[in-house]
Amino acid sequence: MKFVRIGTLILGALAIIVGLLWLGQGTGLILWPENSFMLTDRTWARNGLLLAAVGAIVCWLGSRLR
């Protein structure tokens, strides 16, 4: 069960990191890489916010496993 808990926490943390990157690119705060199709596109900002929220929920659920 400890393996599942660690796996969910890692998966949730990765989802949060990628979601925040997408959010930053979609809002234009992160302009990397320079030729990305995601830059200043509100669709990717929304997708990033949703992914980060799902990652936070996964982390929360994973931390509650015993």
N, C-alpha and C. Protein backbone atom coordinates (compact mmCIF):
# COMPACT_ATOMS: atom_id res chain seq x y z
N MET A 1 0.82 -1.20 0.00
CA MET A 1 0.00 0.00 0.00
C MET A 1 0.87 1.26 0.00
N LYS A 2 2.07 1.15 0.59
CA LYS A 2 2.95 2.30 0.62
C LYS A 2 3.40 2.67 -0.80
N PHE A 3 3.58 1.64 -1.66
CA PHE A 3 3.97 1.87 -3.05
C PHE A 3 2.88 2.66 -3.79
N VAL A 4 1.64 2.34 -3.54
CA VAL A 4 0.52 3.04 -4.18
C VAL A 4 0.48 4.49 -3.70
N ARG A 5 0.70 4.70 -2.42
CA ARG A 5 0.67 6.04 -1.86
C ARG A 5 1.78 6.91 -2.46
N ILE A 6 2.97 6.37 -2.53
CA ILE A 6 4.09 7.12 -3.10
C ILE A 6 3.84 7.38 -4.59
N GLY A 7 3.31 6.39 -5.29
CA GLY A 7 3.02 6.56 -6.71
C GLY A 7 1.99 7.63 -6.97
N THR A 8 0.93 7.68 -6.16
CA THR A 8 -0.09 8.70 -6.36
C THR A 8 0.45 10.10 -6.03
N LEU A 9 1.31 10.19 -5.02
CA LEU A 9 1.88 11.49 -4.69
C LEU A 9 2.81 11.98 -5.79
N ILE A 10 3.60 11.09 -6.37
CA ILE A 10 4.49 11.47 -7.46
C ILE A 10 3.67 11.87 -8.69
N LEU A 11 2.67 11.08 -9.02
CA LEU A 11 1.82 11.37 -10.17
C LEU A 11 1.09 12.70 -9.99
N GLY A 12 0.57 12.94 -8.80
CA GLY A 12 -0.11 14.19 -8.52
C GLY A 12 0.82 15.39 -8.60
N ALA A 13 2.03 15.24 -8.07
CA ALA A 13 3.01 16.33 -8.13
C ALA A 13 3.41 16.64 -9.56
N LEU A 14 3.61 15.61 -10.37
CA LEU A 14 3.93 15.84 -11.79
C LEU A 14 2.79 16.52 -12.52
N ALA A 15 1.56 16.15 -12.21
CA ALA A 15 0.40 16.79 -12.83
C ALA A 15 0.33 18.27 -12.43
N ILE A 16 0.63 18.57 -11.19
CA ILE A 16 0.63 19.97 -10.74
C ILE A 16 1.70 20.77 -11.47
N ILE A 17 2.90 20.21 -11.58
CA ILE A 17 4.00 20.91 -12.25
C ILE A 17 3.69 21.17 -13.72
N VAL A 18 3.22 20.14 -14.42
CA VAL A 18 2.90 20.31 -15.84
C VAL A 18 1.71 21.27 -16.01
N GLY A 19 0.73 21.16 -15.13
CA GLY A 19 -0.42 22.06 -15.19
C GLY A 19 -0.03 23.52 -14.99
N LEU A 20 0.87 23.76 -14.05
CA LEU A 20 1.32 25.14 -13.83
C LEU A 20 2.15 25.65 -15.00
N LEU A 21 2.92 24.76 -15.63
CA LEU A 21 3.67 25.16 -16.83
C LEU A 21 2.70 25.54 -17.95
N TRP A 22 1.68 24.72 -18.18
CA TRP A 22 0.69 25.03 -19.20
C TRP A 22 -0.05 26.33 -18.87
N LEU A 23 -0.37 26.52 -17.61
CA LEU A 23 -1.05 27.75 -17.19
C LEU A 23 -0.17 28.96 -17.47
N GLY A 24 1.10 28.86 -17.14
CA GLY A 24 2.02 29.97 -17.39
C GLY A 24 2.20 30.25 -18.87
N GLN A 25 2.28 29.21 -19.68
CA GLN A 25 2.41 29.41 -21.11
C GLN A 25 1.13 29.98 -21.71
N GLY A 26 0.00 29.49 -21.26
CA GLY A 26 -1.27 29.96 -21.80
C GLY A 26 -1.57 31.41 -21.47
N THR A 27 -1.11 31.87 -20.32
CA THR A 27 -1.34 33.26 -19.93
C THR A 27 -0.23 34.19 -20.42
N GLY A 28 0.85 33.61 -20.94
CA GLY A 28 1.95 34.42 -21.43
C GLY A 28 2.98 34.77 -20.39
N LEU A 29 2.89 34.20 -19.20
CA LEU A 29 3.88 34.45 -18.16
C LEU A 29 5.18 33.69 -18.41
N ILE A 30 5.07 32.52 -19.02
CA ILE A 30 6.24 31.70 -19.36
C ILE A 30 6.29 31.62 -20.88
N LEU A 31 7.27 32.23 -21.47
CA LEU A 31 7.40 32.24 -22.93
C LEU A 31 8.51 31.29 -23.37
N TRP A 32 8.40 30.06 -22.95
CA TRP A 32 9.38 29.03 -23.27
C TRP A 32 8.66 27.77 -23.71
N PRO A 33 9.06 27.12 -24.72
CA PRO A 33 10.02 27.53 -25.76
C PRO A 33 9.43 28.62 -26.65
N GLU A 34 10.29 29.35 -27.31
CA GLU A 34 9.86 30.53 -28.05
C GLU A 34 8.86 30.23 -29.17
N ASN A 35 8.93 29.06 -29.76
CA ASN A 35 8.07 28.75 -30.90
C ASN A 35 6.93 27.81 -30.53
N SER A 36 6.51 27.79 -29.29
CA SER A 36 5.45 26.90 -28.85
C SER A 36 4.08 27.41 -29.30
N PHE A 37 3.23 26.49 -29.70
CA PHE A 37 1.87 26.85 -30.12
C PHE A 37 0.98 27.17 -28.92
N MET A 38 1.46 26.90 -27.71
CA MET A 38 0.65 27.09 -26.51
C MET A 38 0.74 28.51 -25.95
N LEU A 39 1.67 29.30 -26.44
CA LEU A 39 1.91 30.63 -25.86
C LEU A 39 0.73 31.55 -26.09
N THR A 40 0.31 32.21 -25.03
CA THR A 40 -0.79 33.18 -25.00
C THR A 40 -2.08 32.61 -25.60
N ASP A 41 -2.33 31.35 -25.36
CA ASP A 41 -3.57 30.70 -25.80
C ASP A 41 -4.36 30.33 -24.55
N ARG A 42 -5.49 30.99 -24.35
CA ARG A 42 -6.29 30.80 -23.13
C ARG A 42 -6.77 29.37 -22.96
N THR A 43 -6.89 28.62 -24.04
CA THR A 43 -7.30 27.22 -23.93
C THR A 43 -6.30 26.43 -23.10
N TRP A 44 -5.01 26.69 -23.32
CA TRP A 44 -3.98 25.98 -22.57
C TRP A 44 -3.90 26.48 -21.13
N ALA A 45 -4.26 27.72 -20.90
CA ALA A 45 -4.31 28.23 -19.53
C ALA A 45 -5.42 27.49 -18.76
N ARG A 46 -6.57 27.30 -19.39
CA ARG A 46 -7.67 26.56 -18.76
C ARG A 46 -7.30 25.10 -18.53
N ASN A 47 -6.69 24.48 -19.56
CA ASN A 47 -6.29 23.08 -19.42
C ASN A 47 -5.26 22.91 -18.30
N GLY A 48 -4.33 23.84 -18.21
CA GLY A 48 -3.32 23.79 -17.16
C GLY A 48 -3.92 23.93 -15.78
N LEU A 49 -4.87 24.82 -15.65
CA LEU A 49 -5.54 24.99 -14.36
C LEU A 49 -6.29 23.73 -13.96
N LEU A 50 -6.97 23.12 -14.91
CA LEU A 50 -7.70 21.88 -14.63
C LEU A 50 -6.73 20.74 -14.26
N LEU A 51 -5.63 20.63 -14.99
CA LEU A 51 -4.66 19.57 -14.69
C LEU A 51 -4.03 19.77 -13.32
N ALA A 52 -3.70 21.01 -12.97
CA ALA A 52 -3.13 21.29 -11.66
C ALA A 52 -4.13 20.97 -10.55
N ALA A 53 -5.39 21.27 -10.77
CA ALA A 53 -6.42 20.96 -9.78
C ALA A 53 -6.59 19.46 -9.61
N VAL A 54 -6.59 18.72 -10.73
CA VAL A 54 -6.68 17.26 -10.64
C VAL A 54 -5.46 16.70 -9.93
N GLY A 55 -4.28 17.24 -10.20
CA GLY A 55 -3.07 16.81 -9.52
C GLY A 55 -3.14 17.05 -8.02
N ALA A 56 -3.71 18.19 -7.63
CA ALA A 56 -3.85 18.48 -6.20
C ALA A 56 -4.82 17.50 -5.54
N ILE A 57 -5.89 17.16 -6.24
CA ILE A 57 -6.84 16.19 -5.70
C ILE A 57 -6.20 14.81 -5.57
N VAL A 58 -5.42 14.41 -6.57
CA VAL A 58 -4.73 13.12 -6.51
C VAL A 58 -3.74 13.10 -5.35
N CYS A 59 -3.00 14.18 -5.15
CA CYS A 59 -2.08 14.26 -4.01
C CYS A 59 -2.83 14.17 -2.69
N TRP A 60 -3.95 14.86 -2.61
CA TRP A 60 -4.73 14.84 -1.38
C TRP A 60 -5.26 13.43 -1.10
N LEU A 61 -5.78 12.79 -2.12
CA LEU A 61 -6.29 11.42 -1.94
C LEU A 61 -5.15 10.46 -1.61
N GLY A 62 -4.01 10.63 -2.25
CA GLY A 62 -2.87 9.77 -1.99
C GLY A 62 -2.34 9.93 -0.57
N SER A 63 -2.41 11.13 -0.05
CA SER A 63 -1.92 11.35 1.32
C SER A 63 -2.87 10.75 2.36
N ARG A 64 -4.10 10.50 1.97
CA ARG A 64 -5.08 9.93 2.90
C ARG A 64 -5.05 8.40 2.93
N LEU A 65 -4.32 7.78 1.99
CA LEU A 65 -4.23 6.33 1.97
C LEU A 65 -3.43 5.84 3.19
N ARG A 66 -3.86 4.73 3.72
CA ARG A 66 -3.15 4.16 4.88
C ARG A 66 -2.72 2.77 4.58
